Amino acid sequence: MRAELPSAAVVAAVVTVTGVLLGFLWLWLAPRVPLISDGRAVFLRSSEGEQAIGADGTFALLGLGFGAVAAAVVFLLRRAGGVGVVTGLAVGGLLGSLVAWRLGIWLGPTSDVVSHARAVGKGVVFDAPLRLGAKGMLLAFPMAAMAVHLVLTALFGPRDEVVPGPESAV
């Protein structure tokens, strides 16, 4: 297990860094939730809008895609596999999701809705802060990575040699 630690750390670090790209794509592709102020309070522009759940879905779909690609790349580069590589892939996927989530929130619209509403003025539509309502979406990246890596290993991974035993000599 100690021999696999360096490769696990490299895989985890590289997959974590891909979270930056995931965060930028989430920020770019996630639907915006439009808000409007009447001077006293801030309201959703459309009370039947589905943009908030769309942001969660966008994050999940991007996480699934990133997980599948990361697993395929790791499998192609480290076909022999091992527990360390798989652990690095899982940990890197989770950390990459966390990086993407926080980066999207940090670079997205301001989280101070009240001061933003005052700044834009009464009756002007502005974007709500980007948020991830369903925190379980953070697991899409590592779960997709694990599933795809498992399937690739099962289909194309190295096979153990079958050593004939004494009962096969009959």
C-alpha atoms as a PDB file:
ATOM      1  CA  MET A   1       0.000   0.000   0.000  1.00  0.00           C
ATOM      2  CA  ARG A   2       2.885   2.404   0.730  1.00  0.00           C
ATOM      3  CA  ALA A   3       4.244   1.930  -2.781  1.00  0.00           C
ATOM      4  CA  GLU A   4       0.937   3.159  -4.229  1.00  0.00           C
ATOM      5  CA  LEU A   5       0.798   6.298  -2.090  1.00  0.00           C
ATOM      6  CA  PRO A   6       2.734   8.579  -4.491  1.00  0.00           C
ATOM      7  CA  SER A   7       0.613   7.612  -7.489  1.00  0.00           C
ATOM      8  CA  ALA A   8      -2.554   8.041  -5.405  1.00  0.00           C
ATOM      9  CA  ALA A   9      -1.449  11.537  -4.386  1.00  0.00           C
ATOM     10  CA  VAL A  10      -0.675  12.503  -7.994  1.00  0.00           C
ATOM     11  CA  VAL A  11      -4.035  11.218  -9.238  1.00  0.00           C
ATOM     12  CA  ALA A  12      -5.876  12.996  -6.406  1.00  0.00           C
ATOM     13  CA  ALA A  13      -4.048  16.276  -7.062  1.00  0.00           C
ATOM     14  CA  VAL A  14      -4.601  16.251 -10.822  1.00  0.00           C
ATOM     15  CA  VAL A  15      -8.282  15.323 -10.501  1.00  0.00           C
ATOM     16  CA  THR A  16      -8.752  18.004  -7.834  1.00  0.00           C
ATOM     17  CA  VAL A  17      -7.305  20.650 -10.162  1.00  0.00           C
ATOM     18  CA  THR A  18      -9.892  19.714 -12.808  1.00  0.00           C
ATOM     19  CA  GLY A  19     -12.446  21.055 -10.337  1.00  0.00           C
ATOM     20  CA  VAL A  20     -11.380  24.552 -11.371  1.00  0.00           C
ATOM     21  CA  LEU A  21     -12.575  23.885 -14.923  1.00  0.00           C
ATOM     22  CA  LEU A  22     -15.745  22.308 -13.555  1.00  0.00           C
ATOM     23  CA  GLY A  23     -16.375  25.441 -11.485  1.00  0.00           C
ATOM     24  CA  PHE A  24     -15.928  27.751 -14.460  1.00  0.00           C
ATOM     25  CA  LEU A  25     -18.229  25.629 -16.616  1.00  0.00           C
ATOM     26  CA  TRP A  26     -20.860  25.508 -13.877  1.00  0.00           C
ATOM     27  CA  LEU A  27     -20.702  29.281 -13.518  1.00  0.00           C
ATOM     28  CA  TRP A  28     -21.033  29.710 -17.275  1.00  0.00           C
ATOM     29  CA  LEU A  29     -23.741  27.108 -17.953  1.00  0.00           C
ATOM     30  CA  ALA A  30     -25.937  27.241 -14.850  1.00  0.00           C
ATOM     31  CA  PRO A  31     -29.201  29.114 -15.334  1.00  0.00           C
ATOM     32  CA  ARG A  32     -29.499  32.365 -13.423  1.00  0.00           C
ATOM     33  CA  VAL A  33     -32.280  32.955 -10.907  1.00  0.00           C
ATOM     34  CA  PRO A  34     -33.791  36.389 -11.669  1.00  0.00           C
ATOM     35  CA  LEU A  35     -34.706  38.549  -8.682  1.00  0.00           C
ATOM     36  CA  ILE A  36     -36.474  41.900  -8.523  1.00  0.00           C
ATOM     37  CA  SER A  37     -36.877  44.460  -5.755  1.00  0.00           C
ATOM     38  CA  ASP A  38     -39.839  46.706  -5.006  1.00  0.00           C
ATOM     39  CA  GLY A  39     -37.741  48.960  -2.783  1.00  0.00           C
ATOM     40  CA  ARG A  40     -38.726  47.204   0.453  1.00  0.00           C
ATOM     41  CA  ALA A  41     -38.171  43.501  -0.293  1.00  0.00           C
ATOM     42  CA  VAL A  42     -36.576  41.229  -2.882  1.00  0.00           C
ATOM     43  CA  PHE A  43     -38.702  38.721  -4.781  1.00  0.00           C
ATOM     44  CA  LEU A  44     -38.280  36.052  -7.397  1.00  0.00           C
ATOM     45  CA  ARG A  45     -39.133  37.552 -10.752  1.00  0.00           C
ATOM     46  CA  SER A  46     -41.031  34.401 -11.654  1.00  0.00           C
ATOM     47  CA  SER A  47     -42.319  32.362  -8.741  1.00  0.00           C
ATOM     48  CA  GLU A  48     -42.655  29.326 -11.001  1.00  0.00           C
ATOM     49  CA  GLY A  49     -39.117  29.497 -12.359  1.00  0.00           C
ATOM     50  CA  GLU A  50     -37.009  26.353 -12.365  1.00  0.00           C
ATOM     51  CA  GLN A  51     -33.620  28.026 -12.552  1.00  0.00           C
ATOM     52  CA  ALA A  52     -32.589  27.101  -8.992  1.00  0.00           C
ATOM     53  CA  ILE A  53     -33.018  23.388  -9.582  1.00  0.00           C
ATOM     54  CA  GLY A  54     -31.408  23.878 -12.988  1.00  0.00           C
ATOM     55  CA  ALA A  55     -28.202  25.044 -11.309  1.00  0.00           C
ATOM     56  CA  ASP A  56     -28.127  21.837  -9.251  1.00  0.00           C
ATOM     57  CA  GLY A  57     -28.821  19.718 -12.309  1.00  0.00           C
ATOM     58  CA  THR A  58     -26.149  21.471 -14.321  1.00  0.00           C
ATOM     59  CA  PHE A  59     -23.620  20.819 -11.569  1.00  0.00           C
ATOM     60  CA  ALA A  60     -24.631  17.156 -11.409  1.00  0.00           C
ATOM     61  CA  LEU A  61     -24.409  16.617 -15.165  1.00  0.00           C
ATOM     62  CA  LEU A  62     -21.045  18.343 -15.371  1.00  0.00           C
ATOM     63  CA  GLY A  63     -19.829  16.282 -12.409  1.00  0.00           C
ATOM     64  CA  LEU A  64     -20.937  13.064 -14.103  1.00  0.00           C
ATOM     65  CA  GLY A  65     -19.115  14.030 -17.277  1.00  0.00           C
ATOM     66  CA  PHE A  66     -15.956  15.069 -15.474  1.00  0.00           C
ATOM     67  CA  GLY A  67     -16.004  11.879 -13.433  1.00  0.00           C
ATOM     68  CA  ALA A  68     -16.354   9.693 -16.527  1.00  0.00           C
ATOM     69  CA  VAL A  69     -13.546  11.468 -18.360  1.00  0.00           C
ATOM     70  CA  ALA A  70     -11.256  11.452 -15.316  1.00  0.00           C
ATOM     71  CA  ALA A  71     -11.824   7.726 -14.820  1.00  0.00           C
ATOM     72  CA  ALA A  72     -11.128   6.972 -18.477  1.00  0.00           C
ATOM     73  CA  VAL A  73      -7.904   9.008 -18.461  1.00  0.00           C
ATOM     74  CA  VAL A  74      -6.719   7.451 -15.202  1.00  0.00           C
ATOM     75  CA  PHE A  75      -7.512   3.982 -16.512  1.00  0.00           C
ATOM     76  CA  LEU A  76      -5.635   4.583 -19.760  1.00  0.00           C
ATOM     77  CA  LEU A  77      -2.592   5.980 -17.991  1.00  0.00           C
ATOM     78  CA  ARG A  78      -2.550   3.553 -15.058  1.00  0.00           C
ATOM     79  CA  ARG A  79      -4.127   0.394 -16.469  1.00  0.00           C
ATOM     80  CA  ALA A  80      -2.565  -1.783 -13.765  1.00  0.00           C
ATOM     81  CA  GLY A  81      -4.757   0.137 -11.319  1.00  0.00           C
ATOM     82  CA  GLY A  82      -4.455  -0.597  -7.663  1.00  0.00           C
ATOM     83  CA  VAL A  83      -6.195   0.562  -4.530  1.00  0.00           C
ATOM     84  CA  GLY A  84      -4.093   3.732  -4.357  1.00  0.00           C
ATOM     85  CA  VAL A  85      -5.055   4.923  -7.831  1.00  0.00           C
ATOM     86  CA  VAL A  86      -8.741   4.263  -7.220  1.00  0.00           C
ATOM     87  CA  THR A  87      -8.611   5.990  -3.834  1.00  0.00           C
ATOM     88  CA  GLY A  88      -6.840   8.959  -5.406  1.00  0.00           C
ATOM     89  CA  LEU A  89      -9.530   9.110  -8.066  1.00  0.00           C
ATOM     90  CA  ALA A  90     -12.327   9.099  -5.474  1.00  0.00           C
ATOM     91  CA  VAL A  91     -10.678  11.646  -3.174  1.00  0.00           C
ATOM     92  CA  GLY A  92      -9.706  13.865  -6.111  1.00  0.00           C
ATOM     93  CA  GLY A  93     -13.256  13.720  -7.474  1.00  0.00           C
ATOM     94  CA  LEU A  94     -14.726  14.806  -4.162  1.00  0.00           C
ATOM     95  CA  LEU A  95     -12.158  17.571  -3.672  1.00  0.00           C
ATOM     96  CA  GLY A  96     -12.647  18.664  -7.295  1.00  0.00           C
ATOM     97  CA  SER A  97     -16.390  18.964  -6.670  1.00  0.00           C
ATOM     98  CA  LEU A  98     -15.763  21.051  -3.566  1.00  0.00           C
ATOM     99  CA  VAL A  99     -13.355  23.311  -5.466  1.00  0.00           C
ATOM    100  CA  ALA A 100     -15.884  23.740  -8.301  1.00  0.00           C
ATOM    101  CA  TRP A 101     -18.727  24.508  -5.903  1.00  0.00           C
ATOM    102  CA  ARG A 102     -16.829  27.137  -3.942  1.00  0.00           C
ATOM    103  CA  LEU A 103     -15.282  28.677  -7.073  1.00  0.00           C
ATOM    104  CA  GLY A 104     -18.685  29.005  -8.745  1.00  0.00           C
ATOM    105  CA  ILE A 105     -20.126  30.697  -5.681  1.00  0.00           C
ATOM    106  CA  TRP A 106     -17.106  32.962  -5.270  1.00  0.00           C
ATOM    107  CA  LEU A 107     -17.043  34.133  -8.898  1.00  0.00           C
ATOM    108  CA  GLY A 108     -20.825  34.221  -9.345  1.00  0.00           C
ATOM    109  CA  PRO A 109     -23.204  37.039  -8.505  1.00  0.00           C
ATOM    110  CA  THR A 110     -22.760  38.623  -5.097  1.00  0.00           C
ATOM    111  CA  SER A 111     -24.264  36.870  -2.107  1.00  0.00           C
ATOM    112  CA  ASP A 112     -25.299  40.162  -0.497  1.00  0.00           C
ATOM    113  CA  VAL A 113     -28.710  40.335  -2.157  1.00  0.00           C
ATOM    114  CA  VAL A 114     -29.984  43.304  -0.151  1.00  0.00           C
ATOM    115  CA  SER A 115     -27.134  45.663  -1.039  1.00  0.00           C
ATOM    116  CA  HIS A 116     -27.189  44.453  -4.643  1.00  0.00           C
ATOM    117  CA  ALA A 117     -30.934  45.213  -4.816  1.00  0.00           C
ATOM    118  CA  ARG A 118     -30.316  48.710  -3.449  1.00  0.00           C
ATOM    119  CA  ALA A 119     -27.493  49.267  -5.924  1.00  0.00           C
ATOM    120  CA  VAL A 120     -29.497  48.273  -9.022  1.00  0.00           C
ATOM    121  CA  GLY A 121     -32.638  50.095  -7.884  1.00  0.00           C
ATOM    122  CA  LYS A 122     -36.355  49.487  -7.645  1.00  0.00           C
ATOM    123  CA  GLY A 123     -37.907  47.348 -10.383  1.00  0.00           C
ATOM    124  CA  VAL A 124     -34.613  46.255 -11.964  1.00  0.00           C
ATOM    125  CA  VAL A 125     -34.052  42.550 -12.520  1.00  0.00           C
ATOM    126  CA  PHE A 126     -30.766  41.126 -11.211  1.00  0.00           C
ATOM    127  CA  ASP A 127     -29.270  37.667 -10.690  1.00  0.00           C
ATOM    128  CA  ALA A 128     -29.462  35.765  -7.422  1.00  0.00           C
ATOM    129  CA  PRO A 129     -26.265  34.265  -6.049  1.00  0.00           C
ATOM    130  CA  LEU A 130     -25.248  30.961  -7.580  1.00  0.00           C
ATOM    131  CA  ARG A 131     -25.855  28.203  -5.059  1.00  0.00           C
ATOM    132  CA  LEU A 132     -26.013  24.464  -4.820  1.00  0.00           C
ATOM    133  CA  GLY A 133     -29.236  23.575  -3.046  1.00  0.00           C
ATOM    134  CA  ALA A 134     -28.764  19.811  -3.130  1.00  0.00           C
ATOM    135  CA  LYS A 135     -25.357  19.162  -1.581  1.00  0.00           C
ATOM    136  CA  GLY A 136     -25.583  15.538  -2.717  1.00  0.00           C
ATOM    137  CA  MET A 137     -24.685  16.775  -6.195  1.00  0.00           C
ATOM    138  CA  LEU A 138     -21.130  17.082  -4.895  1.00  0.00           C
ATOM    139  CA  LEU A 139     -20.958  13.289  -5.082  1.00  0.00           C
ATOM    140  CA  ALA A 140     -21.740  13.080  -8.812  1.00  0.00           C
ATOM    141  CA  PHE A 141     -18.084  13.550  -9.812  1.00  0.00           C
ATOM    142  CA  PRO A 142     -16.542  10.875  -7.538  1.00  0.00           C
ATOM    143  CA  MET A 143     -19.395   8.406  -8.023  1.00  0.00           C
ATOM    144  CA  ALA A 144     -19.211   8.637 -11.813  1.00  0.00           C
ATOM    145  CA  ALA A 145     -15.443   8.275 -11.641  1.00  0.00           C
ATOM    146  CA  MET A 146     -15.715   5.137  -9.513  1.00  0.00           C
ATOM    147  CA  ALA A 147     -18.424   3.569 -11.681  1.00  0.00           C
ATOM    148  CA  VAL A 148     -16.648   4.221 -14.975  1.00  0.00           C
ATOM    149  CA  HIS A 149     -13.301   3.052 -13.610  1.00  0.00           C
ATOM    150  CA  LEU A 150     -14.927  -0.135 -12.303  1.00  0.00           C
ATOM    151  CA  VAL A 151     -16.536  -0.871 -15.670  1.00  0.00           C
ATOM    152  CA  LEU A 152     -13.320  -0.184 -17.585  1.00  0.00           C
ATOM    153  CA  THR A 153     -11.317  -2.359 -15.226  1.00  0.00           C
ATOM    154  CA  ALA A 154     -13.848  -5.176 -15.502  1.00  0.00           C
ATOM    155  CA  LEU A 155     -13.890  -5.012 -19.307  1.00  0.00           C
ATOM    156  CA  PHE A 156     -10.299  -4.156 -20.201  1.00  0.00           C
ATOM    157  CA  GLY A 157      -8.213  -4.536 -17.045  1.00  0.00           C
ATOM    158  CA  PRO A 158      -5.369  -7.020 -16.655  1.00  0.00           C
ATOM    159  CA  ARG A 159      -6.415 -10.556 -15.818  1.00  0.00           C
ATOM    160  CA  ASP A 160      -4.878 -12.787 -13.196  1.00  0.00           C
ATOM    161  CA  GLU A 161      -3.095 -15.850 -14.514  1.00  0.00           C
ATOM    162  CA  VAL A 162      -4.894 -19.113 -13.822  1.00  0.00           C
ATOM    163  CA  VAL A 163      -2.476 -21.576 -12.274  1.00  0.00           C
ATOM    164  CA  PRO A 164      -3.515 -25.181 -12.886  1.00  0.00           C
ATOM    165  CA  GLY A 165      -4.047 -27.044  -9.647  1.00  0.00           C
ATOM    166  CA  PRO A 166      -3.590 -30.742  -8.892  1.00  0.00           C
ATOM    167  CA  GLU A 167      -7.261 -31.528  -9.576  1.00  0.00           C
ATOM    168  CA  SER A 168      -6.999 -30.251 -13.183  1.00  0.00           C
ATOM    169  CA  ALA A 169      -4.448 -32.963 -14.067  1.00  0.00           C
ATOM    170  CA  VAL A 170      -7.181 -35.648 -14.097  1.00  0.00           C
END
